[in-house]
Amino acid sequence: MLSEKPFNLNILTPEKELFAGQTTFLTAQAVDGEIGILAGHAPLVTLLAPGRISYQLAGGEEIDLDGGAGFLIVKDNQATVLL
C-alpha cells in the first residue's frame, strides 16, 4: 500500500503554473528511468526526460500529464517539477 501522507507539489512551465497543491504520490520519467516520490523522500535533483508525469491527489484521483524535458527537485517534503 502506498503512503497516504501528503507532500507539496508544484509543476511549473515558463508560461504558467500547471499545478500547486498537495499530493500523495508522484511519478515522472527521469533520464535514467521512471522515478516515484512519496512524502519524506530524500533530497534529490534529477533531469527529466519527455514522458508521462502522474500524481495522486489525497482523495485518490490520479492525474496524468504529458511532460517535456525538465528538472525534478525534492527537498523538505516538497517536489517541484520544472518543464
PDB file of N, CA and C in Angstrom:
ATOM      1  N   MET A   1       0.843  -1.184   0.000  1.00  0.00           N
ATOM      2  CA  MET A   1       0.000   0.000   0.000  1.00  0.00           C
ATOM      3  C   MET A   1       0.890   1.250   0.000  1.00  0.00           C
ATOM      4  N   LEU A   2       0.560   2.194  -0.835  1.00  0.00           N
ATOM      5  CA  LEU A   2       1.325   3.428  -0.906  1.00  0.00           C
ATOM      6  C   LEU A   2       1.011   4.313   0.283  1.00  0.00           C
ATOM      7  N   SER A   3       1.959   5.149   0.643  1.00  0.00           N
ATOM      8  CA  SER A   3       1.772   6.101   1.725  1.00  0.00           C
ATOM      9  C   SER A   3       0.636   7.060   1.389  1.00  0.00           C
ATOM     10  N   GLU A   4      -0.161   7.386   2.370  1.00  0.00           N
ATOM     11  CA  GLU A   4      -1.219   8.369   2.165  1.00  0.00           C
ATOM     12  C   GLU A   4      -0.846   9.718   2.759  1.00  0.00           C
ATOM     13  N   LYS A   5       0.396   9.837   3.237  1.00  0.00           N
ATOM     14  CA  LYS A   5       0.853  11.116   3.766  1.00  0.00           C
ATOM     15  C   LYS A   5       1.056  12.081   2.606  1.00  0.00           C
ATOM     16  N   PRO A   6       0.545  13.301   2.716  1.00  0.00           N
ATOM     17  CA  PRO A   6       0.679  14.256   1.609  1.00  0.00           C
ATOM     18  C   PRO A   6       2.016  14.993   1.634  1.00  0.00           C
ATOM     19  N   PHE A   7       2.371  15.501   0.473  1.00  0.00           N
ATOM     20  CA  PHE A   7       3.501  16.419   0.345  1.00  0.00           C
ATOM     21  C   PHE A   7       3.116  17.468  -0.684  1.00  0.00           C
ATOM     22  N   ASN A   8       3.809  18.591  -0.669  1.00  0.00           N
ATOM     23  CA  ASN A   8       3.513  19.684  -1.592  1.00  0.00           C
ATOM     24  C   ASN A   8       4.138  19.411  -2.956  1.00  0.00           C
ATOM     25  N   LEU A   9       3.386  19.716  -3.997  1.00  0.00           N
ATOM     26  CA  LEU A   9       3.855  19.549  -5.371  1.00  0.00           C
ATOM     27  C   LEU A   9       3.571  20.815  -6.154  1.00  0.00           C
ATOM     28  N   ASN A  10       4.565  21.274  -6.888  1.00  0.00           N
ATOM     29  CA  ASN A  10       4.415  22.384  -7.831  1.00  0.00           C
ATOM     30  C   ASN A  10       4.904  21.899  -9.184  1.00  0.00           C
ATOM     31  N   ILE A  11       4.103  22.125 -10.210  1.00  0.00           N
ATOM     32  CA  ILE A  11       4.504  21.813 -11.583  1.00  0.00           C
ATOM     33  C   ILE A  11       4.445  23.121 -12.357  1.00  0.00           C
ATOM     34  N   LEU A  12       5.596  23.555 -12.859  1.00  0.00           N
ATOM     35  CA  LEU A  12       5.718  24.874 -13.482  1.00  0.00           C
ATOM     36  C   LEU A  12       6.311  24.786 -14.878  1.00  0.00           C
ATOM     37  N   THR A  13       5.815  25.643 -15.754  1.00  0.00           N
ATOM     38  CA  THR A  13       6.426  25.856 -17.064  1.00  0.00           C
ATOM     39  C   THR A  13       6.808  27.338 -17.121  1.00  0.00           C
ATOM     40  N   PRO A  14       7.584  27.763 -18.110  1.00  0.00           N
ATOM     41  CA  PRO A  14       7.892  29.192 -18.212  1.00  0.00           C
ATOM     42  C   PRO A  14       6.631  30.051 -18.401  1.00  0.00           C
ATOM     43  N   GLU A  15       5.586  29.462 -18.954  1.00  0.00           N
ATOM     44  CA  GLU A  15       4.369  30.209 -19.240  1.00  0.00           C
ATOM     45  C   GLU A  15       3.388  30.259 -18.078  1.00  0.00           C
ATOM     46  N   LYS A  16       3.317  29.159 -17.281  1.00  0.00           N
ATOM     47  CA  LYS A  16       2.285  29.136 -16.242  1.00  0.00           C
ATOM     48  C   LYS A  16       2.545  28.038 -15.218  1.00  0.00           C
ATOM     49  N   GLU A  17       1.778  28.116 -14.152  1.00  0.00           N
ATOM     50  CA  GLU A  17       1.790  27.092 -13.122  1.00  0.00           C
ATOM     51  C   GLU A  17       0.717  26.059 -13.493  1.00  0.00           C
ATOM     52  N   LEU A  18       1.125  24.813 -13.681  1.00  0.00           N
ATOM     53  CA  LEU A  18       0.174  23.768 -14.061  1.00  0.00           C
ATOM     54  C   LEU A  18      -0.527  23.155 -12.859  1.00  0.00           C
ATOM     55  N   PHE A  19       0.182  23.073 -11.722  1.00  0.00           N
ATOM     56  CA  PHE A  19      -0.417  22.523 -10.512  1.00  0.00           C
ATOM     57  C   PHE A  19       0.346  23.027  -9.302  1.00  0.00           C
ATOM     58  N   ALA A  20      -0.384  23.330  -8.256  1.00  0.00           N
ATOM     59  CA  ALA A  20       0.208  23.673  -6.962  1.00  0.00           C
ATOM     60  C   ALA A  20      -0.755  23.148  -5.904  1.00  0.00           C
ATOM     61  N   GLY A  21      -0.289  22.204  -5.111  1.00  0.00           N
ATOM     62  CA  GLY A  21      -1.151  21.653  -4.080  1.00  0.00           C
ATOM     63  C   GLY A  21      -0.525  20.441  -3.450  1.00  0.00           C
ATOM     64  N   GLN A  22      -1.352  19.698  -2.735  1.00  0.00           N
ATOM     65  CA  GLN A  22      -0.860  18.513  -2.056  1.00  0.00           C
ATOM     66  C   GLN A  22      -1.188  17.257  -2.841  1.00  0.00           C
ATOM     67  N   THR A  23      -0.270  16.338  -2.794  1.00  0.00           N
ATOM     68  CA  THR A  23      -0.402  15.062  -3.476  1.00  0.00           C
ATOM     69  C   THR A  23       0.161  13.975  -2.567  1.00  0.00           C
ATOM     70  N   THR A  24      -0.175  12.731  -2.854  1.00  0.00           N
ATOM     71  CA  THR A  24       0.343  11.631  -2.049  1.00  0.00           C
ATOM     72  C   THR A  24       1.352  10.775  -2.803  1.00  0.00           C
ATOM     73  N   PHE A  25       1.457  10.976  -4.127  1.00  0.00           N
ATOM     74  CA  PHE A  25       2.368  10.178  -4.934  1.00  0.00           C
ATOM     75  C   PHE A  25       2.653  10.898  -6.236  1.00  0.00           C
ATOM     76  N   LEU A  26       3.896  10.811  -6.699  1.00  0.00           N
ATOM     77  CA  LEU A  26       4.308  11.420  -7.961  1.00  0.00           C
ATOM     78  C   LEU A  26       5.196  10.438  -8.695  1.00  0.00           C
ATOM     79  N   THR A  27       4.961  10.265  -9.987  1.00  0.00           N
ATOM     80  CA  THR A  27       5.890   9.524 -10.832  1.00  0.00           C
ATOM     81  C   THR A  27       6.239  10.399 -12.022  1.00  0.00           C
ATOM     82  N   ALA A  28       7.488  10.293 -12.461  1.00  0.00           N
ATOM     83  CA  ALA A  28       7.962  11.058 -13.616  1.00  0.00           C
ATOM     84  C   ALA A  28       9.055  10.254 -14.300  1.00  0.00           C
ATOM     85  N   GLN A  29       9.295  10.592 -15.560  1.00  0.00           N
ATOM     86  CA  GLN A  29      10.309   9.894 -16.347  1.00  0.00           C
ATOM     87  C   GLN A  29      11.631  10.643 -16.245  1.00  0.00           C
ATOM     88  N   ALA A  30      12.522  10.153 -15.381  1.00  0.00           N
ATOM     89  CA  ALA A  30      13.865  10.722 -15.287  1.00  0.00           C
ATOM     90  C   ALA A  30      14.690  10.212 -16.473  1.00  0.00           C
ATOM     91  N   VAL A  31      15.824  10.830 -16.731  1.00  0.00           N
ATOM     92  CA  VAL A  31      16.639  10.422 -17.881  1.00  0.00           C
ATOM     93  C   VAL A  31      17.158   8.993 -17.742  1.00  0.00           C
ATOM     94  N   ASP A  32      17.259   8.487 -16.514  1.00  0.00           N
ATOM     95  CA  ASP A  32      17.751   7.120 -16.329  1.00  0.00           C
ATOM     96  C   ASP A  32      16.663   6.157 -15.853  1.00  0.00           C
ATOM     97  N   GLY A  33      15.388   6.507 -16.056  1.00  0.00           N
ATOM     98  CA  GLY A  33      14.280   5.620 -15.716  1.00  0.00           C
ATOM     99  C   GLY A  33      13.197   6.329 -14.926  1.00  0.00           C
ATOM    100  N   GLU A  34      12.090   5.653 -14.742  1.00  0.00           N
ATOM    101  CA  GLU A  34      10.966   6.236 -14.019  1.00  0.00           C
ATOM    102  C   GLU A  34      11.294   6.358 -12.531  1.00  0.00           C
ATOM    103  N   ILE A  35      10.845   7.449 -11.928  1.00  0.00           N
ATOM    104  CA  ILE A  35      11.092   7.690 -10.515  1.00  0.00           C
ATOM    105  C   ILE A  35       9.762   7.925  -9.816  1.00  0.00           C
ATOM    106  N   GLY A  36       9.645   7.425  -8.602  1.00  0.00           N
ATOM    107  CA  GLY A  36       8.458   7.624  -7.784  1.00  0.00           C
ATOM    108  C   GLY A  36       8.823   8.396  -6.525  1.00  0.00           C
ATOM    109  N   ILE A  37       7.953   9.325  -6.151  1.00  0.00           N
ATOM    110  CA  ILE A  37       8.195  10.168  -4.982  1.00  0.00           C
ATOM    111  C   ILE A  37       7.017  10.020  -4.019  1.00  0.00           C
ATOM    112  N   LEU A  38       7.334   9.786  -2.753  1.00  0.00           N
ATOM    113  CA  LEU A  38       6.365   9.757  -1.664  1.00  0.00           C
ATOM    114  C   LEU A  38       6.766  10.806  -0.639  1.00  0.00           C
ATOM    115  N   ALA A  39       5.881  11.098   0.312  1.00  0.00           N
ATOM    116  CA  ALA A  39       6.200  12.028   1.397  1.00  0.00           C
ATOM    117  C   ALA A  39       7.457  11.561   2.112  1.00  0.00           C
ATOM    118  N   GLY A  40       8.305  12.503   2.492  1.00  0.00           N
ATOM    119  CA  GLY A  40       9.520  12.184   3.220  1.00  0.00           C
ATOM    120  C   GLY A  40      10.677  11.722   2.358  1.00  0.00           C
ATOM    121  N   HIS A  41      10.551  11.823   1.037  1.00  0.00           N
ATOM    122  CA  HIS A  41      11.627  11.395   0.133  1.00  0.00           C
ATOM    123  C   HIS A  41      12.906  12.169   0.425  1.00  0.00           C
ATOM    124  N   ALA A  42      14.026  11.525   0.262  1.00  0.00           N
ATOM    125  CA  ALA A  42      15.331  12.166   0.441  1.00  0.00           C
ATOM    126  C   ALA A  42      15.499  13.306  -0.566  1.00  0.00           C
ATOM    127  N   PRO A  43      16.259  14.331  -0.229  1.00  0.00           N
ATOM    128  CA  PRO A  43      16.519  15.419  -1.166  1.00  0.00           C
ATOM    129  C   PRO A  43      17.094  14.881  -2.478  1.00  0.00           C
ATOM    130  N   LEU A  44      16.681  15.497  -3.581  1.00  0.00           N
ATOM    131  CA  LEU A  44      17.024  14.981  -4.900  1.00  0.00           C
ATOM    132  C   LEU A  44      16.897  16.084  -5.937  1.00  0.00           C
ATOM    133  N   VAL A  45      17.791  16.096  -6.898  1.00  0.00           N
ATOM    134  CA  VAL A  45      17.657  16.900  -8.115  1.00  0.00           C
ATOM    135  C   VAL A  45      17.975  15.964  -9.262  1.00  0.00           C
ATOM    136  N   THR A  46      17.072  15.874 -10.234  1.00  0.00           N
ATOM    137  CA  THR A  46      17.312  14.999 -11.374  1.00  0.00           C
ATOM    138  C   THR A  46      16.756  15.622 -12.647  1.00  0.00           C
ATOM    139  N   LEU A  47      17.350  15.245 -13.769  1.00  0.00           N
ATOM    140  CA  LEU A  47      16.851  15.660 -15.083  1.00  0.00           C
ATOM    141  C   LEU A  47      15.675  14.787 -15.472  1.00  0.00           C
ATOM    142  N   LEU A  48      14.665  15.397 -16.057  1.00  0.00           N
ATOM    143  CA  LEU A  48      13.517  14.654 -16.555  1.00  0.00           C
ATOM    144  C   LEU A  48      13.587  14.544 -18.069  1.00  0.00           C
ATOM    145  N   ALA A  49      13.227  13.381 -18.566  1.00  0.00           N
ATOM    146  CA  ALA A  49      13.096  13.150 -20.000  1.00  0.00           C
ATOM    147  C   ALA A  49      11.640  13.389 -20.386  1.00  0.00           C
ATOM    148  N   PRO A  50      11.367  13.667 -21.644  1.00  0.00           N
ATOM    149  CA  PRO A  50       9.973  13.784 -22.057  1.00  0.00           C
ATOM    150  C   PRO A  50       9.224  12.489 -21.730  1.00  0.00           C
ATOM    151  N   GLY A  51       8.030  12.634 -21.212  1.00  0.00           N
ATOM    152  CA  GLY A  51       7.232  11.465 -20.859  1.00  0.00           C
ATOM    153  C   GLY A  51       6.106  11.818 -19.915  1.00  0.00           C
ATOM    154  N   ARG A  52       5.467  10.800 -19.417  1.00  0.00           N
ATOM    155  CA  ARG A  52       4.296  10.963 -18.560  1.00  0.00           C
ATOM    156  C   ARG A  52       4.703  11.377 -17.150  1.00  0.00           C
ATOM    157  N   ILE A  53       3.943  12.318 -16.610  1.00  0.00           N
ATOM    158  CA  ILE A  53       4.041  12.708 -15.206  1.00  0.00           C
ATOM    159  C   ILE A  53       2.683  12.411 -14.587  1.00  0.00           C
ATOM    160  N   SER A  54       2.674  11.650 -13.506  1.00  0.00           N
ATOM    161  CA  SER A  54       1.428  11.296 -12.826  1.00  0.00           C
ATOM    162  C   SER A  54       1.528  11.681 -11.369  1.00  0.00           C
ATOM    163  N   TYR A  55       0.420  12.158 -10.828  1.00  0.00           N
ATOM    164  CA  TYR A  55       0.370  12.423  -9.404  1.00  0.00           C
ATOM    165  C   TYR A  55      -1.018  12.094  -8.888  1.00  0.00           C
ATOM    166  N   GLN A  56      -1.071  11.751  -7.600  1.00  0.00           N
ATOM    167  CA  GLN A  56      -2.321  11.323  -6.995  1.00  0.00           C
ATOM    168  C   GLN A  56      -2.718  12.319  -5.914  1.00  0.00           C
ATOM    169  N   LEU A  57      -3.963  12.797  -6.012  1.00  0.00           N
ATOM    170  CA  LEU A  57      -4.492  13.714  -5.011  1.00  0.00           C
ATOM    171  C   LEU A  57      -4.902  12.935  -3.774  1.00  0.00           C
ATOM    172  N   ALA A  58      -5.072  13.632  -2.657  1.00  0.00           N
ATOM    173  CA  ALA A  58      -5.393  12.980  -1.390  1.00  0.00           C
ATOM    174  C   ALA A  58      -6.663  12.132  -1.478  1.00  0.00           C
ATOM    175  N   GLY A  59      -7.616  12.506  -2.293  1.00  0.00           N
ATOM    176  CA  GLY A  59      -8.857  11.747  -2.437  1.00  0.00           C
ATOM    177  C   GLY A  59      -8.725  10.511  -3.306  1.00  0.00           C
ATOM    178  N   GLY A  60      -7.550  10.291  -3.892  1.00  0.00           N
ATOM    179  CA  GLY A  60      -7.311   9.112  -4.710  1.00  0.00           C
ATOM    180  C   GLY A  60      -7.341   9.372  -6.206  1.00  0.00           C
ATOM    181  N   GLU A  61      -7.785  10.558  -6.633  1.00  0.00           N
ATOM    182  CA  GLU A  61      -7.825  10.869  -8.064  1.00  0.00           C
ATOM    183  C   GLU A  61      -6.405  10.963  -8.611  1.00  0.00           C
ATOM    184  N   GLU A  62      -6.150  10.271  -9.723  1.00  0.00           N
ATOM    185  CA  GLU A  62      -4.835  10.308 -10.352  1.00  0.00           C
ATOM    186  C   GLU A  62      -4.889  11.188 -11.586  1.00  0.00           C
ATOM    187  N   ILE A  63      -3.910  12.059 -11.727  1.00  0.00           N
ATOM    188  CA  ILE A  63      -3.826  12.995 -12.838  1.00  0.00           C
ATOM    189  C   ILE A  63      -2.585  12.655 -13.645  1.00  0.00           C
ATOM    190  N   ASP A  64      -2.726  12.591 -14.969  1.00  0.00           N
ATOM    191  CA  ASP A  64      -1.616  12.317 -15.877  1.00  0.00           C
ATOM    192  C   ASP A  64      -1.384  13.521 -16.778  1.00  0.00           C
ATOM    193  N   LEU A  65      -0.122  13.876 -16.955  1.00  0.00           N
ATOM    194  CA  LEU A  65       0.283  14.949 -17.862  1.00  0.00           C
ATOM    195  C   LEU A  65       1.344  14.419 -18.810  1.00  0.00           C
ATOM    196  N   ASP A  66       1.380  14.954 -20.013  1.00  0.00           N
ATOM    197  CA  ASP A  66       2.495  14.691 -20.913  1.00  0.00           C
ATOM    198  C   ASP A  66       3.506  15.799 -20.693  1.00  0.00           C
ATOM    199  N   GLY A  67       4.658  15.425 -20.157  1.00  0.00           N
ATOM    200  CA  GLY A  67       5.674  16.421 -19.829  1.00  0.00           C
ATOM    201  C   GLY A  67       6.830  16.377 -20.794  1.00  0.00           C
ATOM    202  N   GLY A  68       7.476  17.508 -20.934  1.00  0.00           N
ATOM    203  CA  GLY A  68       8.679  17.584 -21.739  1.00  0.00           C
ATOM    204  C   GLY A  68       9.900  17.411 -20.862  1.00  0.00           C
ATOM    205  N   ALA A  69      11.055  17.656 -21.408  1.00  0.00           N
ATOM    206  CA  ALA A  69      12.289  17.592 -20.631  1.00  0.00           C
ATOM    207  C   ALA A  69      12.267  18.687 -19.571  1.00  0.00           C
ATOM    208  N   GLY A  70      12.918  18.430 -18.458  1.00  0.00           N
ATOM    209  CA  GLY A  70      12.948  19.421 -17.392  1.00  0.00           C
ATOM    210  C   GLY A  70      13.730  18.929 -16.194  1.00  0.00           C
ATOM    211  N   PHE A  71      13.339  19.396 -15.025  1.00  0.00           N
ATOM    212  CA  PHE A  71      14.007  19.057 -13.773  1.00  0.00           C
ATOM    213  C   PHE A  71      12.972  18.674 -12.724  1.00  0.00           C
ATOM    214  N   LEU A  72      13.380  17.807 -11.817  1.00  0.00           N
ATOM    215  CA  LEU A  72      12.606  17.470 -10.633  1.00  0.00           C
ATOM    216  C   LEU A  72      13.487  17.765  -9.433  1.00  0.00           C
ATOM    217  N   ILE A  73      12.949  18.558  -8.514  1.00  0.00           N
ATOM    218  CA  ILE A  73      13.671  18.916  -7.299  1.00  0.00           C
ATOM    219  C   ILE A  73      12.809  18.477  -6.116  1.00  0.00           C
ATOM    220  N   VAL A  74      13.411  17.726  -5.189  1.00  0.00           N
ATOM    221  CA  VAL A  74      12.702  17.273  -3.999  1.00  0.00           C
ATOM    222  C   VAL A  74      13.507  17.718  -2.784  1.00  0.00           C
ATOM    223  N   LYS A  75      12.828  18.423  -1.867  1.00  0.00           N
ATOM    224  CA  LYS A  75      13.504  18.894  -0.650  1.00  0.00           C
ATOM    225  C   LYS A  75      12.440  19.305   0.362  1.00  0.00           C
ATOM    226  N   ASP A  76      12.660  18.949   1.616  1.00  0.00           N
ATOM    227  CA  ASP A  76      11.788  19.375   2.717  1.00  0.00           C
ATOM    228  C   ASP A  76      10.317  19.059   2.460  1.00  0.00           C
ATOM    229  N   ASN A  77      10.037  17.831   2.043  1.00  0.00           N
ATOM    230  CA  ASN A  77       8.675  17.357   1.807  1.00  0.00           C
ATOM    231  C   ASN A  77       7.948  18.176   0.735  1.00  0.00           C
ATOM    232  N   GLN A  78       8.703  18.648  -0.229  1.00  0.00           N
ATOM    233  CA  GLN A  78       8.132  19.373  -1.365  1.00  0.00           C
ATOM    234  C   GLN A  78       8.827  18.912  -2.642  1.00  0.00           C
ATOM    235  N   ALA A  79       8.034  18.713  -3.684  1.00  0.00           N
ATOM    236  CA  ALA A  79       8.561  18.362  -5.002  1.00  0.00           C
ATOM    237  C   ALA A  79       8.198  19.489  -5.971  1.00  0.00           C
ATOM    238  N   THR A  80       9.175  19.859  -6.785  1.00  0.00           N
ATOM    239  CA  THR A  80       8.951  20.877  -7.804  1.00  0.00           C
ATOM    240  C   THR A  80       9.376  20.302  -9.140  1.00  0.00           C
ATOM    241  N   VAL A  81       8.464  20.352 -10.105  1.00  0.00           N
ATOM    242  CA  VAL A  81       8.749  19.903 -11.471  1.00  0.00           C
ATOM    243  C   VAL A  81       8.830  21.153 -12.332  1.00  0.00           C
ATOM    244  N   LEU A  82       9.967  21.359 -12.975  1.00  0.00           N
ATOM    245  CA  LEU A  82      10.171  22.476 -13.894  1.00  0.00           C
ATOM    246  C   LEU A  82      10.236  21.928 -15.309  1.00  0.00           C
ATOM    247  N   LEU A  83       9.295  22.325 -16.139  1.00  0.00           N
ATOM    248  CA  LEU A  83       9.225  21.826 -17.516  1.00  0.00           C
ATOM    249  C   LEU A  83       9.545  22.935 -18.495  1.00  0.00           C
TER     250      LEU A  83
END
